[in-house]
C-alpha cells in the first residue's frame, strides 16, 4: 500500500542511499553531511505536518543512525577528520 509520504521522501532517501553505497571513500564524508542535512530538514517538516507520520519519522531516525555509524567507521579508518575536543 502506498502512503502519502512516498512522494515526499524520495530526496532524502536518494541522498542517504548514495552516501551508503559510494565507492570513493574520500567522497563519503561530504555525502553524509548532505544526506544528514536533508534528513533533518524532512524531519522538521514532518514535525509540523498533520496526520500520522510515524513510519517515515522512524525511517528518518534509522537513516541518521546508520549515517552516524558510517561516519564513525570512517573516523576509525582516518578518512573523516575528528572533531576538535
N, C-alpha and C. Protein backbone atom coordinates (compact mmCIF):
# COMPACT_ATOMS: atom_id res chain seq x y z
N UNK A 1 0.83 -1.18 0.00
CA UNK A 1 0.00 0.00 0.00
C UNK A 1 0.88 1.25 0.00
N UNK A 2 0.58 2.18 -0.85
CA UNK A 2 1.32 3.43 -0.94
C UNK A 2 0.79 4.41 0.10
N UNK A 3 1.69 5.08 0.78
CA UNK A 3 1.27 6.07 1.75
C UNK A 3 1.56 7.46 1.22
N UNK A 4 0.98 8.46 1.86
CA UNK A 4 1.07 9.81 1.33
C UNK A 4 2.48 10.38 1.34
N UNK A 5 3.38 9.87 2.16
CA UNK A 5 4.72 10.43 2.21
C UNK A 5 5.65 9.88 1.14
N UNK A 6 5.25 8.85 0.41
CA UNK A 6 6.14 8.24 -0.55
C UNK A 6 6.67 9.22 -1.59
N UNK A 7 5.86 10.18 -1.99
CA UNK A 7 6.31 11.15 -2.98
C UNK A 7 7.24 12.19 -2.39
N UNK A 8 7.20 12.40 -1.09
CA UNK A 8 7.98 13.45 -0.45
C UNK A 8 9.32 12.96 0.07
N UNK A 9 9.48 11.70 0.26
CA UNK A 9 10.70 11.22 0.90
C UNK A 9 11.77 10.79 -0.08
N UNK A 10 11.56 10.97 -1.34
CA UNK A 10 12.50 10.49 -2.35
C UNK A 10 13.87 11.16 -2.23
N UNK A 11 13.91 12.47 -2.02
CA UNK A 11 15.19 13.18 -2.00
C UNK A 11 16.09 12.69 -0.86
N UNK A 12 15.56 12.63 0.36
CA UNK A 12 16.42 12.20 1.46
C UNK A 12 16.85 10.75 1.29
N UNK A 13 15.97 9.92 0.79
CA UNK A 13 16.33 8.51 0.59
C UNK A 13 17.41 8.36 -0.46
N UNK A 14 17.32 9.14 -1.53
CA UNK A 14 18.35 9.07 -2.57
C UNK A 14 19.71 9.52 -2.05
N UNK A 15 19.73 10.61 -1.30
CA UNK A 15 20.99 11.10 -0.74
C UNK A 15 21.56 10.12 0.28
N UNK A 16 20.70 9.56 1.09
CA UNK A 16 21.10 8.57 2.09
C UNK A 16 21.71 7.33 1.42
N UNK A 17 21.01 6.82 0.44
CA UNK A 17 21.48 5.62 -0.27
C UNK A 17 22.80 5.90 -1.00
N UNK A 18 22.89 7.07 -1.61
CA UNK A 18 24.12 7.42 -2.32
C UNK A 18 25.31 7.45 -1.37
N UNK A 19 25.12 8.01 -0.17
CA UNK A 19 26.20 8.07 0.81
C UNK A 19 26.61 6.66 1.27
N UNK A 20 25.64 5.81 1.48
CA UNK A 20 25.94 4.45 1.94
C UNK A 20 26.71 3.62 0.91
N UNK A 21 26.40 3.83 -0.36
CA UNK A 21 26.95 2.96 -1.40
C UNK A 21 28.02 3.61 -2.27
N UNK A 22 28.45 4.81 -1.90
CA UNK A 22 29.52 5.47 -2.66
C UNK A 22 30.80 4.64 -2.54
N UNK A 23 31.44 4.40 -3.67
CA UNK A 23 32.65 3.59 -3.67
C UNK A 23 33.90 4.39 -3.35
N UNK A 24 33.90 5.67 -3.67
CA UNK A 24 35.05 6.52 -3.39
C UNK A 24 34.94 7.01 -1.95
N UNK A 25 35.71 6.40 -1.06
CA UNK A 25 35.61 6.67 0.37
C UNK A 25 35.91 8.14 0.71
N UNK A 26 36.68 8.81 -0.14
CA UNK A 26 37.01 10.21 0.12
C UNK A 26 35.80 11.12 -0.10
N UNK A 27 34.82 10.70 -0.88
CA UNK A 27 33.62 11.48 -1.13
C UNK A 27 32.56 11.28 -0.05
N UNK A 28 32.65 10.19 0.66
CA UNK A 28 31.60 9.80 1.59
C UNK A 28 31.34 10.82 2.72
N UNK A 29 32.37 11.39 3.36
CA UNK A 29 32.08 12.34 4.45
C UNK A 29 31.19 13.50 4.00
N UNK A 30 31.46 14.09 2.85
CA UNK A 30 30.63 15.18 2.36
C UNK A 30 29.23 14.69 2.03
N UNK A 31 29.13 13.51 1.46
CA UNK A 31 27.82 12.95 1.11
C UNK A 31 27.01 12.67 2.37
N UNK A 32 27.66 12.24 3.42
CA UNK A 32 26.98 12.01 4.70
C UNK A 32 26.42 13.33 5.22
N UNK A 33 27.22 14.38 5.17
CA UNK A 33 26.76 15.69 5.66
C UNK A 33 25.55 16.19 4.88
N UNK A 34 25.57 16.03 3.58
CA UNK A 34 24.45 16.47 2.74
C UNK A 34 23.20 15.65 3.07
N UNK A 35 23.36 14.34 3.19
CA UNK A 35 22.22 13.48 3.50
C UNK A 35 21.66 13.79 4.88
N UNK A 36 22.53 14.00 5.86
CA UNK A 36 22.07 14.33 7.21
C UNK A 36 21.26 15.63 7.20
N UNK A 37 21.73 16.63 6.48
CA UNK A 37 21.02 17.91 6.43
C UNK A 37 19.64 17.74 5.81
N UNK A 38 19.54 16.95 4.76
CA UNK A 38 18.25 16.72 4.11
C UNK A 38 17.31 15.94 5.02
N UNK A 39 17.85 14.98 5.74
CA UNK A 39 17.04 14.18 6.66
C UNK A 39 16.50 15.07 7.79
N UNK A 40 17.34 15.92 8.34
CA UNK A 40 16.90 16.82 9.40
C UNK A 40 15.83 17.77 8.89
N UNK A 41 16.02 18.29 7.69
CA UNK A 41 15.01 19.18 7.11
C UNK A 41 13.68 18.46 6.94
N UNK A 42 13.72 17.22 6.47
CA UNK A 42 12.50 16.44 6.29
C UNK A 42 11.83 16.16 7.64
N UNK A 43 12.63 15.83 8.64
CA UNK A 43 12.09 15.55 9.97
C UNK A 43 11.39 16.79 10.53
N UNK A 44 11.97 17.95 10.32
CA UNK A 44 11.34 19.19 10.79
C UNK A 44 10.02 19.44 10.09
N UNK A 45 9.98 19.17 8.79
CA UNK A 45 8.72 19.39 8.07
C UNK A 45 7.65 18.40 8.52
N UNK A 46 8.04 17.18 8.85
CA UNK A 46 7.07 16.20 9.34
C UNK A 46 6.55 16.56 10.73
N UNK A 47 7.41 17.19 11.52
CA UNK A 47 7.00 17.57 12.87
C UNK A 47 5.78 18.48 12.83
N UNK A 48 5.73 19.35 11.84
CA UNK A 48 4.62 20.30 11.71
C UNK A 48 3.48 19.77 10.84
N UNK A 49 3.68 18.62 10.23
CA UNK A 49 2.68 18.09 9.30
C UNK A 49 1.56 17.37 10.06
N UNK A 50 0.35 17.50 9.56
CA UNK A 50 -0.77 16.79 10.21
C UNK A 50 -0.72 15.29 9.89
N UNK A 51 -1.42 14.53 10.69
CA UNK A 51 -1.54 13.09 10.42
C UNK A 51 -0.47 12.27 11.10
N UNK A 52 -0.53 10.99 10.84
CA UNK A 52 0.40 10.03 11.43
C UNK A 52 1.59 9.86 10.49
N UNK A 53 2.72 10.42 10.88
CA UNK A 53 3.95 10.33 10.09
C UNK A 53 4.98 9.44 10.78
N UNK A 54 4.51 8.59 11.67
CA UNK A 54 5.43 7.80 12.49
C UNK A 54 6.31 6.86 11.68
N UNK A 55 5.80 6.30 10.60
CA UNK A 55 6.61 5.39 9.79
C UNK A 55 7.81 6.11 9.17
N UNK A 56 7.53 7.26 8.58
CA UNK A 56 8.64 7.99 7.96
C UNK A 56 9.56 8.58 9.03
N UNK A 57 9.01 9.03 10.13
CA UNK A 57 9.84 9.56 11.21
C UNK A 57 10.79 8.49 11.72
N UNK A 58 10.31 7.29 11.86
CA UNK A 58 11.17 6.18 12.29
C UNK A 58 12.23 5.88 11.24
N UNK A 59 11.86 5.93 9.97
CA UNK A 59 12.82 5.70 8.89
C UNK A 59 13.91 6.78 8.89
N UNK A 60 13.52 8.01 9.16
CA UNK A 60 14.49 9.11 9.25
C UNK A 60 15.46 8.88 10.41
N UNK A 61 14.94 8.48 11.55
CA UNK A 61 15.80 8.19 12.71
C UNK A 61 16.78 7.07 12.40
N UNK A 62 16.27 6.02 11.75
CA UNK A 62 17.14 4.89 11.39
C UNK A 62 18.23 5.32 10.41
N UNK A 63 17.86 6.16 9.45
CA UNK A 63 18.83 6.63 8.46
C UNK A 63 19.92 7.47 9.13
N UNK A 64 19.53 8.36 10.03
CA UNK A 64 20.54 9.15 10.74
C UNK A 64 21.47 8.27 11.56
N UNK A 65 20.91 7.26 12.20
CA UNK A 65 21.72 6.33 12.97
C UNK A 65 22.76 5.64 12.08
N UNK A 66 22.32 5.19 10.92
CA UNK A 66 23.23 4.49 10.01
C UNK A 66 24.31 5.42 9.47
N UNK A 67 23.94 6.65 9.14
CA UNK A 67 24.93 7.61 8.65
C UNK A 67 25.96 7.93 9.72
N UNK A 68 25.51 8.05 10.95
CA UNK A 68 26.45 8.32 12.04
C UNK A 68 27.37 7.13 12.27
N UNK A 69 26.85 5.93 12.13
CA UNK A 69 27.69 4.73 12.25
C UNK A 69 28.73 4.70 11.14
N UNK A 70 28.32 5.03 9.93
CA UNK A 70 29.26 5.08 8.81
C UNK A 70 30.33 6.14 9.06
N UNK A 71 29.91 7.30 9.55
CA UNK A 71 30.88 8.37 9.85
C UNK A 71 31.90 7.89 10.89
N UNK A 72 31.44 7.17 11.90
CA UNK A 72 32.35 6.65 12.92
C UNK A 72 33.32 5.63 12.34
N UNK A 73 32.86 4.82 11.41
CA UNK A 73 33.76 3.87 10.74
C UNK A 73 34.83 4.61 9.95
N UNK A 74 34.44 5.67 9.26
CA UNK A 74 35.40 6.46 8.50
C UNK A 74 36.42 7.11 9.43
N UNK A 75 35.97 7.58 10.58
CA UNK A 75 36.88 8.19 11.55
C UNK A 75 37.92 7.17 12.01
N UNK A 76 37.47 5.95 12.27
CA UNK A 76 38.40 4.93 12.75
C UNK A 76 39.41 4.53 11.67
N UNK A 77 39.04 4.77 10.40
CA UNK A 77 39.97 4.49 9.29
C UNK A 77 40.79 5.72 8.93
N UNK A 78 40.55 6.83 9.61
CA UNK A 78 41.29 8.05 9.34
C UNK A 78 40.81 8.81 8.11
N UNK A 79 39.63 8.51 7.62
CA UNK A 79 39.11 9.16 6.42
C UNK A 79 38.19 10.33 6.74
N UNK A 80 37.83 10.51 7.98
CA UNK A 80 36.94 11.60 8.40
C UNK A 80 37.70 12.39 9.46
N UNK A 81 37.81 13.71 9.29
CA UNK A 81 38.50 14.50 10.32
C UNK A 81 37.79 14.39 11.66
N UNK A 82 38.54 14.25 12.70
CA UNK A 82 37.96 14.18 14.04
C UNK A 82 37.56 15.58 14.50
N UNK A 83 36.48 15.65 15.24
CA UNK A 83 36.03 16.94 15.77
C UNK A 83 37.01 17.41 16.83
N UNK A 84 37.16 18.73 16.92
CA UNK A 84 38.06 19.28 17.94
C UNK A 84 37.48 19.04 19.32
N UNK A 85 38.34 18.69 20.26
CA UNK A 85 37.88 18.38 21.62
C UNK A 85 37.63 19.61 22.42
